[in-house]
Amino acid sequence: MEPAIVLSISVGAVVIVMTALSIYTAFGPPSKQLADPFEDHED
């Protein structure tokens, strides 16, 4: 394989993994531990 193809596949895989991890953190079970700063400082 050409180095450019390997590099582009690697960058694409990293982007997909980071996107999946952020979606899991935002909407999955770990989201229950997240705090909403706007709810913490209501007037």
PDB file of N, CA and C in Angstrom:
ATOM      1  N   MET A   1       0.835  -1.185   0.000  1.00  0.00           N
ATOM      2  CA  MET A   1       0.000   0.000   0.000  1.00  0.00           C
ATOM      3  C   MET A   1       0.881   1.249   0.000  1.00  0.00           C
ATOM      4  N   GLU A   2       0.331   2.289  -0.559  1.00  0.00           N
ATOM      5  CA  GLU A   2       1.060   3.547  -0.570  1.00  0.00           C
ATOM      6  C   GLU A   2       0.971   4.217   0.798  1.00  0.00           C
ATOM      7  N   PRO A   3       1.997   4.945   1.179  1.00  0.00           N
ATOM      8  CA  PRO A   3       1.974   5.603   2.487  1.00  0.00           C
ATOM      9  C   PRO A   3       0.826   6.605   2.643  1.00  0.00           C
ATOM     10  N   ALA A   4       0.430   7.264   1.565  1.00  0.00           N
ATOM     11  CA  ALA A   4      -0.662   8.237   1.657  1.00  0.00           C
ATOM     12  C   ALA A   4      -1.982   7.552   1.981  1.00  0.00           C
ATOM     13  N   ILE A   5      -2.200   6.369   1.451  1.00  0.00           N
ATOM     14  CA  ILE A   5      -3.439   5.634   1.731  1.00  0.00           C
ATOM     15  C   ILE A   5      -3.452   5.180   3.188  1.00  0.00           C
ATOM     16  N   VAL A   6      -2.339   4.678   3.665  1.00  0.00           N
ATOM     17  CA  VAL A   6      -2.249   4.229   5.059  1.00  0.00           C
ATOM     18  C   VAL A   6      -2.458   5.405   6.004  1.00  0.00           C
ATOM     19  N   LEU A   7      -1.865   6.542   5.693  1.00  0.00           N
ATOM     20  CA  LEU A   7      -2.018   7.722   6.535  1.00  0.00           C
ATOM     21  C   LEU A   7      -3.467   8.210   6.550  1.00  0.00           C
ATOM     22  N   SER A   8      -4.111   8.235   5.392  1.00  0.00           N
ATOM     23  CA  SER A   8      -5.494   8.714   5.346  1.00  0.00           C
ATOM     24  C   SER A   8      -6.440   7.753   6.058  1.00  0.00           C
ATOM     25  N   ILE A   9      -6.218   6.465   5.965  1.00  0.00           N
ATOM     26  CA  ILE A   9      -7.041   5.490   6.689  1.00  0.00           C
ATOM     27  C   ILE A   9      -6.822   5.639   8.200  1.00  0.00           C
ATOM     28  N   SER A  10      -5.581   5.858   8.606  1.00  0.00           N
ATOM     29  CA  SER A  10      -5.280   6.026  10.027  1.00  0.00           C
ATOM     30  C   SER A  10      -5.940   7.284  10.588  1.00  0.00           C
ATOM     31  N   VAL A  11      -5.851   8.393   9.866  1.00  0.00           N
ATOM     32  CA  VAL A  11      -6.472   9.636  10.327  1.00  0.00           C
ATOM     33  C   VAL A  11      -7.984   9.475  10.375  1.00  0.00           C
ATOM     34  N   GLY A  12      -8.564   8.828   9.385  1.00  0.00           N
ATOM     35  CA  GLY A  12     -10.005   8.589   9.378  1.00  0.00           C
ATOM     36  C   GLY A  12     -10.443   7.720  10.543  1.00  0.00           C
ATOM     37  N   ALA A  13      -9.671   6.691  10.856  1.00  0.00           N
ATOM     38  CA  ALA A  13     -10.003   5.806  11.972  1.00  0.00           C
ATOM     39  C   ALA A  13      -9.932   6.561  13.299  1.00  0.00           C
ATOM     40  N   VAL A  14      -8.925   7.413  13.463  1.00  0.00           N
ATOM     41  CA  VAL A  14      -8.796   8.192  14.699  1.00  0.00           C
ATOM     42  C   VAL A  14      -9.975   9.153  14.847  1.00  0.00           C
ATOM     43  N   VAL A  15     -10.387   9.794  13.761  1.00  0.00           N
ATOM     44  CA  VAL A  15     -11.517  10.718  13.819  1.00  0.00           C
ATOM     45  C   VAL A  15     -12.804   9.980  14.178  1.00  0.00           C
ATOM     46  N   ILE A  16     -13.024   8.820  13.602  1.00  0.00           N
ATOM     47  CA  ILE A  16     -14.227   8.036  13.884  1.00  0.00           C
ATOM     48  C   ILE A  16     -14.241   7.571  15.341  1.00  0.00           C
ATOM     49  N   VAL A  17     -13.111   7.129  15.855  1.00  0.00           N
ATOM     50  CA  VAL A  17     -13.038   6.670  17.247  1.00  0.00           C
ATOM     51  C   VAL A  17     -13.282   7.829  18.209  1.00  0.00           C
ATOM     52  N   MET A  18     -12.695   8.989  17.928  1.00  0.00           N
ATOM     53  CA  MET A  18     -12.906  10.141  18.809  1.00  0.00           C
ATOM     54  C   MET A  18     -14.357  10.595  18.777  1.00  0.00           C
ATOM     55  N   THR A  19     -14.990  10.551  17.618  1.00  0.00           N
ATOM     56  CA  THR A  19     -16.395  10.930  17.516  1.00  0.00           C
ATOM     57  C   THR A  19     -17.278   9.953  18.286  1.00  0.00           C
ATOM     58  N   ALA A  20     -17.014   8.666  18.137  1.00  0.00           N
ATOM     59  CA  ALA A  20     -17.800   7.658  18.851  1.00  0.00           C
ATOM     60  C   ALA A  20     -17.618   7.789  20.361  1.00  0.00           C
ATOM     61  N   LEU A  21     -16.406   8.050  20.806  1.00  0.00           N
ATOM     62  CA  LEU A  21     -16.156   8.202  22.239  1.00  0.00           C
ATOM     63  C   LEU A  21     -16.850   9.431  22.805  1.00  0.00           C
ATOM     64  N   SER A  22     -16.848  10.520  22.051  1.00  0.00           N
ATOM     65  CA  SER A  22     -17.506  11.723  22.554  1.00  0.00           C
ATOM     66  C   SER A  22     -19.017  11.564  22.586  1.00  0.00           C
ATOM     67  N   ILE A  23     -19.590  10.881  21.612  1.00  0.00           N
ATOM     68  CA  ILE A  23     -21.036  10.620  21.623  1.00  0.00           C
ATOM     69  C   ILE A  23     -21.396   9.701  22.791  1.00  0.00           C
ATOM     70  N   TYR A  24     -20.576   8.678  23.034  1.00  0.00           N
ATOM     71  CA  TYR A  24     -20.826   7.774  24.155  1.00  0.00           C
ATOM     72  C   TYR A  24     -20.747   8.519  25.484  1.00  0.00           C
ATOM     73  N   THR A  25     -19.763   9.419  25.609  1.00  0.00           N
ATOM     74  CA  THR A  25     -19.611  10.173  26.850  1.00  0.00           C
ATOM     75  C   THR A  25     -20.763  11.151  27.046  1.00  0.00           C
ATOM     76  N   ALA A  26     -21.239  11.755  25.965  1.00  0.00           N
ATOM     77  CA  ALA A  26     -22.289  12.768  26.075  1.00  0.00           C
ATOM     78  C   ALA A  26     -23.667  12.161  26.307  1.00  0.00           C
ATOM     79  N   PHE A  27     -23.964  11.016  25.714  1.00  0.00           N
ATOM     80  CA  PHE A  27     -25.316  10.471  25.773  1.00  0.00           C
ATOM     81  C   PHE A  27     -25.409   9.104  26.438  1.00  0.00           C
ATOM     82  N   GLY A  28     -24.306   8.447  26.709  1.00  0.00           N
ATOM     83  CA  GLY A  28     -24.314   7.114  27.300  1.00  0.00           C
ATOM     84  C   GLY A  28     -24.368   7.173  28.812  1.00  0.00           C
ATOM     85  N   PRO A  29     -24.084   6.057  29.465  1.00  0.00           N
ATOM     86  CA  PRO A  29     -24.101   5.998  30.926  1.00  0.00           C
ATOM     87  C   PRO A  29     -23.177   7.006  31.619  1.00  0.00           C
ATOM     88  N   PRO A  30     -21.998   7.340  31.071  1.00  0.00           N
ATOM     89  CA  PRO A  30     -21.164   8.331  31.766  1.00  0.00           C
ATOM     90  C   PRO A  30     -21.785   9.727  31.823  1.00  0.00           C
ATOM     91  N   SER A  31     -22.818   9.988  31.041  1.00  0.00           N
ATOM     92  CA  SER A  31     -23.409  11.326  31.032  1.00  0.00           C
ATOM     93  C   SER A  31     -24.126  11.654  32.333  1.00  0.00           C
ATOM     94  N   LYS A  32     -24.441  10.654  33.140  1.00  0.00           N
ATOM     95  CA  LYS A  32     -25.106  10.903  34.409  1.00  0.00           C
ATOM     96  C   LYS A  32     -24.161  11.596  35.398  1.00  0.00           C
ATOM     97  N   GLN A  33     -22.852  11.466  35.186  1.00  0.00           N
ATOM     98  CA  GLN A  33     -21.872  12.084  36.070  1.00  0.00           C
ATOM     99  C   GLN A  33     -21.541  13.516  35.654  1.00  0.00           C
ATOM    100  N   LEU A  34     -21.980  13.944  34.475  1.00  0.00           N
ATOM    101  CA  LEU A  34     -21.681  15.281  34.001  1.00  0.00           C
ATOM    102  C   LEU A  34     -22.561  16.299  34.728  1.00  0.00           C
ATOM    103  N   ALA A  35     -22.000  17.447  35.038  1.00  0.00           N
ATOM    104  CA  ALA A  35     -22.752  18.504  35.717  1.00  0.00           C
ATOM    105  C   ALA A  35     -23.093  19.602  34.716  1.00  0.00           C
ATOM    106  N   ASP A  36     -24.269  20.177  34.859  1.00  0.00           N
ATOM    107  CA  ASP A  36     -24.695  21.286  34.021  1.00  0.00           C
ATOM    108  C   ASP A  36     -24.402  22.581  34.771  1.00  0.00           C
ATOM    109  N   PRO A  37     -23.454  23.380  34.288  1.00  0.00           N
ATOM    110  CA  PRO A  37     -23.106  24.593  35.033  1.00  0.00           C
ATOM    111  C   PRO A  37     -24.232  25.614  35.092  1.00  0.00           C
ATOM    112  N   PHE A  38     -25.151  25.598  34.136  1.00  0.00           N
ATOM    113  CA  PHE A  38     -26.251  26.538  34.159  1.00  0.00           C
ATOM    114  C   PHE A  38     -27.269  26.178  35.260  1.00  0.00           C
ATOM    115  N   GLU A  39     -27.446  24.905  35.532  1.00  0.00           N
ATOM    116  CA  GLU A  39     -28.344  24.498  36.605  1.00  0.00           C
ATOM    117  C   GLU A  39     -27.718  24.747  37.976  1.00  0.00           C
ATOM    118  N   ASP A  40     -26.390  24.711  38.046  1.00  0.00           N
ATOM    119  CA  ASP A  40     -25.708  24.926  39.327  1.00  0.00           C
ATOM    120  C   ASP A  40     -25.776  26.372  39.795  1.00  0.00           C
ATOM    121  N   HIS A  41     -25.928  27.316  38.862  1.00  0.00           N
ATOM    122  CA  HIS A  41     -25.861  28.725  39.203  1.00  0.00           C
ATOM    123  C   HIS A  41     -27.157  29.460  38.847  1.00  0.00           C
ATOM    124  N   GLU A  42     -28.283  28.867  39.181  1.00  0.00           N
ATOM    125  CA  GLU A  42     -29.544  29.545  38.916  1.00  0.00           C
ATOM    126  C   GLU A  42     -29.766  30.660  39.927  1.00  0.00           C
ATOM    127  N   ASP A  43     -30.416  31.710  39.487  1.00  0.00           N
ATOM    128  CA  ASP A  43     -30.681  32.842  40.381  1.00  0.00           C
ATOM    129  C   ASP A  43     -31.926  32.656  41.189  1.00  0.00           C
TER     130      ASP A  43
END
